[in-house]
Amino acid sequence: MRAYRTGWRALVLVLAVGAGLVGVGDVGWLATVGTSVAFACLGALFGFSWIEEPGHRPRVMAECAVWFGVAGLLIVGLPPVVGAWSLPVLLVIGVSCPPLLQLGLDQWRKAHPVVATDHPVELSDRDLVRRWRQTTEELSDRSVPPATALRLVEERSSLLDELERRDPAKFADWLARSGWREPQER
C-alpha cells in the first residue's frame, strides 16, 4: 500500500500543478490562488474539528489544508481541460485515495476473515499472514475467554511454524526486524 500511496500522491500533485497552471491561464492567478487558499482554510478547519485529540490536530490540520488546497487547484483547472468530465475525474481521484481504499480493504477483510484452521499448510501465503494478523487482533481483546485465548495461542504457534517452514530466511529476517533475539548461551 505504501507504493500505491506514493504513486497516488505524486500523480495527484502533478495533476494539481498542471491544473493550477491551466487555471492561472484561464481565470487568472488571483482567482486560482484565492480558490486554492480558500479550500486550504476549509481543510484546516475540517482537520481541526475532525480530530479531538489536541496532540494530533496540527499534523491533521496541515495535511487536510494541503489536500483541500490541491482539490481547489483541480476544481479550477480541470474544467477548461476536460470539460464535463471534470466531476467524474474528481470522483475517481477521491475514490482512489489511499485512506479510503485502506478503509474499504479493512472492511472487506473483516467481512471475509480467514477461518481458523488446524492445518495451516492448506492456507495460501497471503491467508497465512492474514490469519496471523487476525489472531493478533483477537488476542488483544481483553474480553476473550481464557480457553479461546489458549486456542488462539496454539493456532499462532502452528502459524509461526508454517511461516518458518515456507521461507526460513524471510522468517528469520522478520523475527530480527521485530526485535527477537536468540537466547544467549551461558
N, C-alpha and C. Protein backbone atom coordinates (compact mmCIF):
# COMPACT_ATOMS: atom_id res chain seq x y z
N MET A 1 0.83 -1.19 0.00
CA MET A 1 0.00 0.00 0.00
C MET A 1 0.88 1.26 0.00
N ARG A 2 2.09 1.13 0.54
CA ARG A 2 2.99 2.29 0.61
C ARG A 2 3.36 2.78 -0.79
N ALA A 3 3.64 1.85 -1.70
CA ALA A 3 3.99 2.22 -3.07
C ALA A 3 2.79 2.86 -3.77
N TYR A 4 1.61 2.30 -3.53
CA TYR A 4 0.40 2.88 -4.13
C TYR A 4 0.18 4.31 -3.61
N ARG A 5 0.32 4.47 -2.30
CA ARG A 5 0.13 5.79 -1.68
C ARG A 5 1.09 6.82 -2.28
N THR A 6 2.35 6.44 -2.44
CA THR A 6 3.36 7.34 -3.01
C THR A 6 3.01 7.68 -4.46
N GLY A 7 2.64 6.66 -5.24
CA GLY A 7 2.28 6.89 -6.64
C GLY A 7 1.05 7.75 -6.78
N TRP A 8 0.04 7.50 -5.94
CA TRP A 8 -1.19 8.28 -5.99
C TRP A 8 -0.91 9.75 -5.67
N ARG A 9 -0.15 9.97 -4.62
CA ARG A 9 0.18 11.35 -4.24
C ARG A 9 0.95 12.06 -5.33
N ALA A 10 1.93 11.39 -5.92
CA ALA A 10 2.72 12.01 -6.99
C ALA A 10 1.83 12.35 -8.18
N LEU A 11 0.98 11.44 -8.58
CA LEU A 11 0.08 11.68 -9.71
C LEU A 11 -0.87 12.84 -9.44
N VAL A 12 -1.46 12.85 -8.27
CA VAL A 12 -2.41 13.93 -7.94
C VAL A 12 -1.69 15.27 -7.85
N LEU A 13 -0.50 15.29 -7.29
CA LEU A 13 0.24 16.56 -7.22
C LEU A 13 0.64 17.06 -8.61
N VAL A 14 1.04 16.15 -9.50
CA VAL A 14 1.35 16.56 -10.88
C VAL A 14 0.09 17.10 -11.56
N LEU A 15 -1.03 16.40 -11.38
CA LEU A 15 -2.30 16.90 -11.94
C LEU A 15 -2.66 18.27 -11.37
N ALA A 16 -2.44 18.45 -10.07
CA ALA A 16 -2.78 19.72 -9.43
C ALA A 16 -1.91 20.86 -9.96
N VAL A 17 -0.61 20.60 -10.14
CA VAL A 17 0.27 21.64 -10.68
C VAL A 17 -0.18 22.00 -12.10
N GLY A 18 -0.46 20.98 -12.91
CA GLY A 18 -0.95 21.24 -14.27
C GLY A 18 -2.27 21.98 -14.26
N ALA A 19 -3.18 21.57 -13.39
CA ALA A 19 -4.48 22.24 -13.28
C ALA A 19 -4.30 23.67 -12.79
N GLY A 20 -3.36 23.88 -11.88
CA GLY A 20 -3.10 25.25 -11.40
C GLY A 20 -2.59 26.14 -12.53
N LEU A 21 -1.70 25.61 -13.36
CA LEU A 21 -1.19 26.39 -14.49
C LEU A 21 -2.30 26.70 -15.48
N VAL A 22 -3.15 25.72 -15.74
CA VAL A 22 -4.29 25.95 -16.64
C VAL A 22 -5.23 26.97 -16.01
N GLY A 23 -5.46 26.85 -14.71
CA GLY A 23 -6.35 27.79 -14.02
C GLY A 23 -5.83 29.21 -14.09
N VAL A 24 -4.51 29.38 -13.90
CA VAL A 24 -3.92 30.72 -14.00
C VAL A 24 -4.14 31.28 -15.39
N GLY A 25 -3.98 30.45 -16.41
CA GLY A 25 -4.18 30.92 -17.78
C GLY A 25 -5.63 31.18 -18.10
N ASP A 26 -6.55 30.46 -17.49
CA ASP A 26 -7.97 30.59 -17.82
C ASP A 26 -8.68 31.66 -17.01
N VAL A 27 -8.51 31.67 -15.69
CA VAL A 27 -9.24 32.63 -14.84
C VAL A 27 -8.34 33.63 -14.15
N GLY A 28 -7.02 33.48 -14.30
CA GLY A 28 -6.09 34.41 -13.68
C GLY A 28 -5.51 33.84 -12.40
N TRP A 29 -4.36 34.41 -12.04
CA TRP A 29 -3.65 33.88 -10.89
C TRP A 29 -4.37 34.18 -9.58
N LEU A 30 -5.02 35.36 -9.48
CA LEU A 30 -5.69 35.73 -8.23
C LEU A 30 -6.84 34.79 -7.92
N ALA A 31 -7.66 34.49 -8.93
CA ALA A 31 -8.79 33.57 -8.71
C ALA A 31 -8.30 32.15 -8.40
N THR A 32 -7.26 31.72 -9.08
CA THR A 32 -6.73 30.36 -8.86
C THR A 32 -6.14 30.23 -7.47
N VAL A 33 -5.27 31.16 -7.10
CA VAL A 33 -4.64 31.12 -5.78
C VAL A 33 -5.69 31.34 -4.69
N GLY A 34 -6.61 32.26 -4.93
CA GLY A 34 -7.65 32.54 -3.94
C GLY A 34 -8.53 31.32 -3.68
N THR A 35 -8.90 30.62 -4.74
CA THR A 35 -9.72 29.42 -4.57
C THR A 35 -8.95 28.34 -3.82
N SER A 36 -7.69 28.16 -4.18
CA SER A 36 -6.88 27.15 -3.51
C SER A 36 -6.68 27.49 -2.03
N VAL A 37 -6.42 28.74 -1.74
CA VAL A 37 -6.23 29.16 -0.34
C VAL A 37 -7.54 29.02 0.44
N ALA A 38 -8.66 29.37 -0.18
CA ALA A 38 -9.95 29.23 0.50
C ALA A 38 -10.22 27.76 0.82
N PHE A 39 -9.93 26.89 -0.14
CA PHE A 39 -10.11 25.46 0.12
C PHE A 39 -9.14 24.98 1.20
N ALA A 40 -7.92 25.48 1.20
CA ALA A 40 -6.94 25.09 2.22
C ALA A 40 -7.42 25.51 3.61
N CYS A 41 -7.97 26.69 3.71
CA CYS A 41 -8.51 27.15 5.01
C CYS A 41 -9.67 26.26 5.45
N LEU A 42 -10.51 25.89 4.49
CA LEU A 42 -11.61 24.98 4.80
C LEU A 42 -11.06 23.63 5.26
N GLY A 43 -10.00 23.16 4.63
CA GLY A 43 -9.37 21.91 5.03
C GLY A 43 -8.79 21.97 6.43
N ALA A 44 -8.14 23.08 6.76
CA ALA A 44 -7.58 23.23 8.10
C ALA A 44 -8.69 23.22 9.14
N LEU A 45 -9.79 23.89 8.84
CA LEU A 45 -10.94 23.90 9.75
C LEU A 45 -11.53 22.50 9.89
N PHE A 46 -11.60 21.79 8.77
CA PHE A 46 -12.09 20.41 8.80
C PHE A 46 -11.19 19.55 9.68
N GLY A 47 -9.87 19.66 9.50
CA GLY A 47 -8.93 18.89 10.30
C GLY A 47 -9.03 19.23 11.78
N PHE A 48 -9.24 20.52 12.08
CA PHE A 48 -9.36 20.96 13.47
C PHE A 48 -10.59 20.35 14.13
N SER A 49 -11.71 20.36 13.41
CA SER A 49 -12.95 19.87 14.01
C SER A 49 -13.05 18.35 13.98
N TRP A 50 -12.29 17.71 13.10
CA TRP A 50 -12.39 16.27 12.94
C TRP A 50 -11.63 15.51 14.04
N ILE A 51 -10.47 16.01 14.44
CA ILE A 51 -9.64 15.32 15.42
C ILE A 51 -9.87 15.91 16.80
N GLU A 52 -10.19 15.03 17.74
CA GLU A 52 -10.48 15.50 19.09
C GLU A 52 -9.22 15.60 19.95
N GLU A 53 -8.21 14.78 19.67
CA GLU A 53 -7.01 14.79 20.49
C GLU A 53 -6.11 15.95 20.10
N PRO A 54 -5.87 16.90 21.00
CA PRO A 54 -5.11 18.10 20.65
C PRO A 54 -3.71 17.83 20.13
N GLY A 55 -3.06 16.76 20.56
CA GLY A 55 -1.70 16.47 20.13
C GLY A 55 -1.59 16.15 18.64
N HIS A 56 -2.65 15.60 18.07
CA HIS A 56 -2.64 15.22 16.65
C HIS A 56 -3.19 16.31 15.74
N ARG A 57 -3.83 17.30 16.31
CA ARG A 57 -4.50 18.32 15.50
C ARG A 57 -3.59 19.07 14.52
N PRO A 58 -2.44 19.57 14.93
CA PRO A 58 -1.63 20.34 13.98
C PRO A 58 -1.25 19.56 12.73
N ARG A 59 -0.86 18.31 12.89
CA ARG A 59 -0.48 17.50 11.73
C ARG A 59 -1.68 17.23 10.83
N VAL A 60 -2.82 16.89 11.41
CA VAL A 60 -4.01 16.61 10.62
C VAL A 60 -4.51 17.88 9.95
N MET A 61 -4.46 18.99 10.65
CA MET A 61 -4.88 20.26 10.05
C MET A 61 -4.01 20.62 8.86
N ALA A 62 -2.70 20.45 8.99
CA ALA A 62 -1.79 20.76 7.89
C ALA A 62 -2.04 19.83 6.70
N GLU A 63 -2.20 18.55 6.98
CA GLU A 63 -2.44 17.60 5.89
C GLU A 63 -3.76 17.88 5.19
N CYS A 64 -4.80 18.15 5.95
CA CYS A 64 -6.09 18.48 5.35
C CYS A 64 -6.01 19.79 4.55
N ALA A 65 -5.30 20.76 5.07
CA ALA A 65 -5.16 22.03 4.35
C ALA A 65 -4.46 21.80 3.00
N VAL A 66 -3.42 21.00 2.99
CA VAL A 66 -2.70 20.73 1.74
C VAL A 66 -3.62 20.05 0.73
N TRP A 67 -4.32 18.99 1.16
CA TRP A 67 -5.14 18.24 0.21
C TRP A 67 -6.37 19.01 -0.21
N PHE A 68 -6.94 19.82 0.64
CA PHE A 68 -8.06 20.67 0.23
C PHE A 68 -7.56 21.74 -0.75
N GLY A 69 -6.37 22.28 -0.51
CA GLY A 69 -5.78 23.25 -1.45
C GLY A 69 -5.54 22.62 -2.81
N VAL A 70 -5.07 21.37 -2.82
CA VAL A 70 -4.89 20.64 -4.08
C VAL A 70 -6.24 20.47 -4.77
N ALA A 71 -7.27 20.14 -4.00
CA ALA A 71 -8.61 19.99 -4.57
C ALA A 71 -9.07 21.31 -5.19
N GLY A 72 -8.76 22.43 -4.53
CA GLY A 72 -9.12 23.74 -5.10
C GLY A 72 -8.45 23.97 -6.45
N LEU A 73 -7.17 23.60 -6.57
CA LEU A 73 -6.48 23.73 -7.86
C LEU A 73 -7.14 22.86 -8.92
N LEU A 74 -7.48 21.64 -8.54
CA LEU A 74 -8.11 20.73 -9.50
C LEU A 74 -9.48 21.24 -9.94
N ILE A 75 -10.24 21.80 -9.01
CA ILE A 75 -11.57 22.30 -9.34
C ILE A 75 -11.49 23.49 -10.29
N VAL A 76 -10.48 24.31 -10.13
CA VAL A 76 -10.32 25.47 -11.02
C VAL A 76 -9.74 25.07 -12.37
N GLY A 77 -8.77 24.17 -12.37
CA GLY A 77 -8.04 23.88 -13.60
C GLY A 77 -8.54 22.74 -14.45
N LEU A 78 -9.29 21.81 -13.89
CA LEU A 78 -9.76 20.69 -14.69
C LEU A 78 -10.85 21.05 -15.71
N PRO A 79 -11.86 21.84 -15.36
CA PRO A 79 -12.92 22.11 -16.34
C PRO A 79 -12.45 22.68 -17.68
N PRO A 80 -11.49 23.59 -17.72
CA PRO A 80 -11.06 24.06 -19.04
C PRO A 80 -10.40 22.96 -19.89
N VAL A 81 -9.85 21.94 -19.24
CA VAL A 81 -9.14 20.89 -19.97
C VAL A 81 -10.08 19.74 -20.34
N VAL A 82 -10.81 19.22 -19.38
CA VAL A 82 -11.64 18.03 -19.64
C VAL A 82 -13.13 18.32 -19.68
N GLY A 83 -13.53 19.55 -19.47
CA GLY A 83 -14.93 19.95 -19.59
C GLY A 83 -15.85 19.18 -18.66
N ALA A 84 -16.86 18.55 -19.25
CA ALA A 84 -17.89 17.86 -18.47
C ALA A 84 -17.34 16.64 -17.74
N TRP A 85 -16.16 16.19 -18.09
CA TRP A 85 -15.55 15.04 -17.43
C TRP A 85 -14.88 15.41 -16.11
N SER A 86 -14.93 16.67 -15.74
CA SER A 86 -14.27 17.11 -14.51
C SER A 86 -14.81 16.39 -13.28
N LEU A 87 -16.12 16.31 -13.17
CA LEU A 87 -16.71 15.65 -11.99
C LEU A 87 -16.34 14.17 -11.93
N PRO A 88 -16.47 13.40 -13.03
CA PRO A 88 -16.02 12.00 -12.93
C PRO A 88 -14.53 11.86 -12.60
N VAL A 89 -13.69 12.75 -13.15
CA VAL A 89 -12.25 12.68 -12.85
C VAL A 89 -12.02 12.95 -11.36
N LEU A 90 -12.68 13.97 -10.83
CA LEU A 90 -12.54 14.28 -9.40
C LEU A 90 -13.06 13.14 -8.53
N LEU A 91 -14.15 12.50 -8.96
CA LEU A 91 -14.67 11.35 -8.20
C LEU A 91 -13.70 10.18 -8.22
N VAL A 92 -13.08 9.91 -9.36
CA VAL A 92 -12.10 8.83 -9.44
C VAL A 92 -10.91 9.14 -8.55
N ILE A 93 -10.45 10.39 -8.57
CA ILE A 93 -9.34 10.78 -7.71
C ILE A 93 -9.72 10.60 -6.24
N GLY A 94 -10.92 11.02 -5.87
CA GLY A 94 -11.36 10.90 -4.48
C GLY A 94 -11.55 9.46 -4.04
N VAL A 95 -12.18 8.65 -4.88
CA VAL A 95 -12.45 7.26 -4.52
C VAL A 95 -11.17 6.44 -4.48
N SER A 96 -10.18 6.81 -5.28
CA SER A 96 -8.94 6.05 -5.31
C SER A 96 -7.92 6.51 -4.27
N CYS A 97 -8.29 7.46 -3.41
CA CYS A 97 -7.33 7.93 -2.42
C CYS A 97 -6.98 6.81 -1.44
N PRO A 98 -5.72 6.70 -1.07
CA PRO A 98 -5.25 5.56 -0.25
C PRO A 98 -6.00 5.36 1.07
N PRO A 99 -6.30 6.41 1.85
CA PRO A 99 -7.01 6.12 3.11
C PRO A 99 -8.39 5.51 2.89
N LEU A 100 -9.08 5.95 1.84
CA LEU A 100 -10.40 5.40 1.56
C LEU A 100 -10.29 3.94 1.09
N LEU A 101 -9.32 3.66 0.24
CA LEU A 101 -9.10 2.28 -0.19
C LEU A 101 -8.70 1.39 0.97
N GLN A 102 -7.85 1.90 1.87
CA GLN A 102 -7.44 1.13 3.04
C GLN A 102 -8.64 0.82 3.93
N LEU A 103 -9.52 1.81 4.10
CA LEU A 103 -10.73 1.60 4.90
C LEU A 103 -11.59 0.51 4.27
N GLY A 104 -11.77 0.58 2.95
CA GLY A 104 -12.56 -0.44 2.25
C GLY A 104 -11.92 -1.82 2.36
N LEU A 105 -10.62 -1.87 2.22
CA LEU A 105 -9.90 -3.14 2.33
C LEU A 105 -10.03 -3.71 3.74
N ASP A 106 -9.92 -2.87 4.74
CA ASP A 106 -10.08 -3.33 6.13
C ASP A 106 -11.49 -3.87 6.36
N GLN A 107 -12.50 -3.17 5.82
CA GLN A 107 -13.88 -3.64 5.96
C GLN A 107 -14.09 -4.97 5.25
N TRP A 108 -13.50 -5.10 4.06
CA TRP A 108 -13.63 -6.35 3.31
C TRP A 108 -12.97 -7.49 4.09
N ARG A 109 -11.79 -7.23 4.66
CA ARG A 109 -11.09 -8.27 5.42
C ARG A 109 -11.88 -8.68 6.66
N LYS A 110 -12.57 -7.72 7.28
CA LYS A 110 -13.39 -8.06 8.45
C LYS A 110 -14.59 -8.89 8.02
N ALA A 111 -15.16 -8.58 6.85
CA ALA A 111 -16.33 -9.31 6.36
C ALA A 111 -15.96 -10.69 5.82
N HIS A 112 -14.70 -10.86 5.40
CA HIS A 112 -14.24 -12.13 4.83
C HIS A 112 -12.99 -12.61 5.57
N PRO A 113 -13.15 -12.98 6.84
CA PRO A 113 -11.96 -13.39 7.60
C PRO A 113 -11.46 -14.75 7.14
N VAL A 114 -10.20 -15.00 7.40
CA VAL A 114 -9.63 -16.33 7.18
C VAL A 114 -10.04 -17.16 8.38
N VAL A 115 -10.67 -18.28 8.12
CA VAL A 115 -11.18 -19.10 9.22
C VAL A 115 -10.03 -19.80 9.94
N ALA A 116 -10.27 -20.06 11.20
CA ALA A 116 -9.27 -20.77 12.00
C ALA A 116 -9.07 -22.16 11.42
N THR A 117 -7.84 -22.61 11.47
CA THR A 117 -7.54 -23.93 10.92
C THR A 117 -6.50 -24.64 11.77
N ASP A 118 -6.63 -25.96 11.81
CA ASP A 118 -5.62 -26.77 12.48
C ASP A 118 -4.54 -27.19 11.49
N HIS A 119 -4.74 -26.87 10.22
CA HIS A 119 -3.81 -27.26 9.16
C HIS A 119 -3.39 -26.02 8.36
N PRO A 120 -2.48 -25.23 8.88
CA PRO A 120 -2.07 -24.02 8.16
C PRO A 120 -1.37 -24.31 6.83
N VAL A 121 -0.99 -25.57 6.60
CA VAL A 121 -0.36 -25.96 5.34
C VAL A 121 -1.33 -25.70 4.18
N GLU A 122 -2.62 -25.77 4.46
CA GLU A 122 -3.64 -25.60 3.42
C GLU A 122 -3.85 -24.14 3.05
N LEU A 123 -3.35 -23.21 3.85
CA LEU A 123 -3.56 -21.78 3.58
C LEU A 123 -2.54 -21.26 2.58
N SER A 124 -2.97 -20.29 1.79
CA SER A 124 -2.03 -19.60 0.90
C SER A 124 -1.13 -18.71 1.75
N ASP A 125 -0.05 -18.23 1.17
CA ASP A 125 0.85 -17.34 1.92
C ASP A 125 0.11 -16.12 2.43
N ARG A 126 -0.70 -15.52 1.56
CA ARG A 126 -1.45 -14.33 1.94
C ARG A 126 -2.42 -14.63 3.07
N ASP A 127 -3.16 -15.74 2.97
CA ASP A 127 -4.12 -16.09 4.02
C ASP A 127 -3.43 -16.45 5.32
N LEU A 128 -2.24 -17.03 5.22
CA LEU A 128 -1.46 -17.36 6.41
C LEU A 128 -1.11 -16.08 7.19
N VAL A 129 -0.64 -15.07 6.48
CA VAL A 129 -0.30 -13.79 7.11
C VAL A 129 -1.56 -13.10 7.61
N ARG A 130 -2.65 -13.14 6.83
CA ARG A 130 -3.91 -12.54 7.27
C ARG A 130 -4.41 -13.20 8.55
N ARG A 131 -4.31 -14.53 8.62
CA ARG A 131 -4.77 -15.23 9.82
C ARG A 131 -3.90 -14.87 11.02
N TRP A 132 -2.60 -14.70 10.79
CA TRP A 132 -1.71 -14.27 11.88
C TRP A 132 -2.17 -12.92 12.42
N ARG A 133 -2.48 -12.00 11.53
CA ARG A 133 -2.92 -10.67 11.97
C ARG A 133 -4.27 -10.74 12.67
N GLN A 134 -5.17 -11.59 12.17
CA GLN A 134 -6.48 -11.72 12.81
C GLN A 134 -6.34 -12.26 14.23
N THR A 135 -5.48 -13.24 14.40
CA THR A 135 -5.30 -13.79 15.75
C THR A 135 -4.67 -12.76 16.68
N THR A 136 -3.83 -11.90 16.13
CA THR A 136 -3.25 -10.81 16.93
C THR A 136 -4.36 -9.90 17.44
N GLU A 137 -5.28 -9.53 16.54
CA GLU A 137 -6.40 -8.66 16.93
C GLU A 137 -7.31 -9.36 17.93
N GLU A 138 -7.58 -10.64 17.69
CA GLU A 138 -8.46 -11.38 18.60
C GLU A 138 -7.85 -11.48 20.00
N LEU A 139 -6.55 -11.71 20.07
CA LEU A 139 -5.89 -11.82 21.38
C LEU A 139 -5.81 -10.49 22.11
N SER A 140 -5.82 -9.38 21.36
CA SER A 140 -5.72 -8.07 22.02
C SER A 140 -7.03 -7.67 22.69
N ASP A 141 -8.11 -8.39 22.41
CA ASP A 141 -9.40 -8.13 23.04
C ASP A 141 -9.38 -8.75 24.44
N ARG A 142 -9.52 -7.91 25.47
CA ARG A 142 -9.43 -8.38 26.85
C ARG A 142 -10.63 -9.22 27.28
N SER A 143 -11.69 -9.20 26.48
CA SER A 143 -12.87 -9.97 26.86
C SER A 143 -12.84 -11.41 26.34
N VAL A 144 -11.74 -11.79 25.68
CA VAL A 144 -11.61 -13.16 25.17
C VAL A 144 -11.48 -14.12 26.35
N PRO A 145 -12.32 -15.16 26.38
CA PRO A 145 -12.22 -16.13 27.48
C PRO A 145 -10.87 -16.86 27.45
N PRO A 146 -10.40 -17.29 28.61
CA PRO A 146 -9.09 -17.97 28.66
C PRO A 146 -8.98 -19.18 27.72
N ALA A 147 -10.03 -19.96 27.60
CA ALA A 147 -9.98 -21.14 26.72
C ALA A 147 -9.79 -20.72 25.27
N THR A 148 -10.46 -19.67 24.85
CA THR A 148 -10.32 -19.16 23.49
C THR A 148 -8.92 -18.59 23.28
N ALA A 149 -8.42 -17.87 24.28
CA ALA A 149 -7.07 -17.31 24.18
C ALA A 149 -6.04 -18.43 24.05
N LEU A 150 -6.21 -19.51 24.80
CA LEU A 150 -5.28 -20.64 24.70
C LEU A 150 -5.34 -21.27 23.31
N ARG A 151 -6.55 -21.43 22.76
CA ARG A 151 -6.69 -21.98 21.42
C ARG A 151 -6.01 -21.08 20.39
N LEU A 152 -6.16 -19.76 20.56
CA LEU A 152 -5.53 -18.81 19.64
C LEU A 152 -4.00 -18.88 19.73
N VAL A 153 -3.48 -19.01 20.95
CA VAL A 153 -2.03 -19.11 21.13
C VAL A 153 -1.51 -20.37 20.45
N GLU A 154 -2.23 -21.47 20.61
CA GLU A 154 -1.82 -22.72 19.96
C GLU A 154 -1.87 -22.58 18.44
N GLU A 155 -2.91 -21.93 17.94
CA GLU A 155 -3.02 -21.71 16.49
C GLU A 155 -1.87 -20.83 16.00
N ARG A 156 -1.56 -19.80 16.76
CA ARG A 156 -0.46 -18.91 16.36
C ARG A 156 0.87 -19.66 16.32
N SER A 157 1.04 -20.59 17.23
CA SER A 157 2.25 -21.40 17.22
C SER A 157 2.36 -22.19 15.92
N SER A 158 1.26 -22.80 15.50
CA SER A 158 1.29 -23.57 14.25
C SER A 158 1.43 -22.64 13.04
N LEU A 159 0.87 -21.44 13.12
CA LEU A 159 1.04 -20.47 12.02
C LEU A 159 2.51 -20.06 11.90
N LEU A 160 3.14 -19.80 13.05
CA LEU A 160 4.57 -19.45 13.02
C LEU A 160 5.42 -20.59 12.47
N ASP A 161 5.10 -21.80 12.88
CA ASP A 161 5.85 -22.96 12.36
C ASP A 161 5.72 -23.05 10.84
N GLU A 162 4.52 -22.82 10.35
CA GLU A 162 4.30 -22.90 8.90
C GLU A 162 4.99 -21.75 8.17
N LEU A 163 4.95 -20.56 8.74
CA LEU A 163 5.67 -19.43 8.13
C LEU A 163 7.16 -19.73 8.04
N GLU A 164 7.72 -20.30 9.11
CA GLU A 164 9.14 -20.62 9.11
C GLU A 164 9.45 -21.74 8.11
N ARG A 165 8.57 -22.74 8.01
CA ARG A 165 8.80 -23.85 7.09
C ARG A 165 8.80 -23.38 5.64
N ARG A 166 7.92 -22.44 5.31
CA ARG A 166 7.80 -22.00 3.91
C ARG A 166 8.99 -21.16 3.46
N ASP A 167 9.49 -20.30 4.33
CA ASP A 167 10.59 -19.43 3.93
C ASP A 167 11.44 -19.09 5.16
N PRO A 168 12.38 -19.96 5.51
CA PRO A 168 13.17 -19.77 6.74
C PRO A 168 13.95 -18.46 6.76
N ALA A 169 14.51 -18.06 5.62
CA ALA A 169 15.30 -16.82 5.60
C ALA A 169 14.41 -15.60 5.84
N LYS A 170 13.27 -15.56 5.17
CA LYS A 170 12.35 -14.44 5.35
C LYS A 170 11.81 -14.42 6.79
N PHE A 171 11.55 -15.60 7.33
CA PHE A 171 11.07 -15.70 8.70
C PHE A 171 12.11 -15.17 9.69
N ALA A 172 13.36 -15.56 9.48
CA ALA A 172 14.44 -15.10 10.36
C ALA A 172 14.59 -13.57 10.27
N ASP A 173 14.48 -13.04 9.05
CA ASP A 173 14.55 -11.59 8.87
C ASP A 173 13.39 -10.89 9.58
N TRP A 174 12.21 -11.47 9.48
CA TRP A 174 11.02 -10.91 10.12
C TRP A 174 11.20 -10.88 11.64
N LEU A 175 11.74 -11.97 12.19
CA LEU A 175 11.99 -12.01 13.64
C LEU A 175 13.03 -10.96 14.05
N ALA A 176 14.08 -10.83 13.24
CA ALA A 176 15.12 -9.85 13.56
C ALA A 176 14.56 -8.44 13.53
N ARG A 177 13.71 -8.14 12.54
CA ARG A 177 13.13 -6.79 12.45
C ARG A 177 12.18 -6.53 13.60
N SER A 178 11.56 -7.58 14.14
CA SER A 178 10.63 -7.38 15.25
C SER A 178 11.34 -7.29 16.59
N GLY A 179 12.68 -7.47 16.59
CA GLY A 179 13.44 -7.30 17.82
C GLY A 179 13.71 -8.59 18.57
N TRP A 180 13.32 -9.73 18.01
CA TRP A 180 13.56 -11.00 18.69
C TRP A 180 15.01 -11.42 18.53
N ARG A 181 15.58 -11.96 19.60
CA ARG A 181 16.96 -12.45 19.56
C ARG A 181 17.01 -13.85 20.15
N GLU A 182 18.00 -14.61 19.69
CA GLU A 182 18.23 -15.94 20.23
C GLU A 182 18.62 -15.80 21.72
N PRO A 183 18.24 -16.78 22.55
CA PRO A 183 18.71 -16.73 23.94
C PRO A 183 20.23 -16.87 23.97
N GLN A 184 20.85 -16.13 24.85
CA GLN A 184 22.31 -16.16 24.95
C GLN A 184 22.75 -17.43 25.66
N GLU A 185 23.76 -18.07 25.09
CA GLU A 185 24.30 -19.27 25.74
C GLU A 185 25.17 -18.84 26.92
N ARG A 186 25.20 -19.65 27.96
CA ARG A 186 25.98 -19.30 29.14
C ARG A 186 27.19 -20.16 29.25
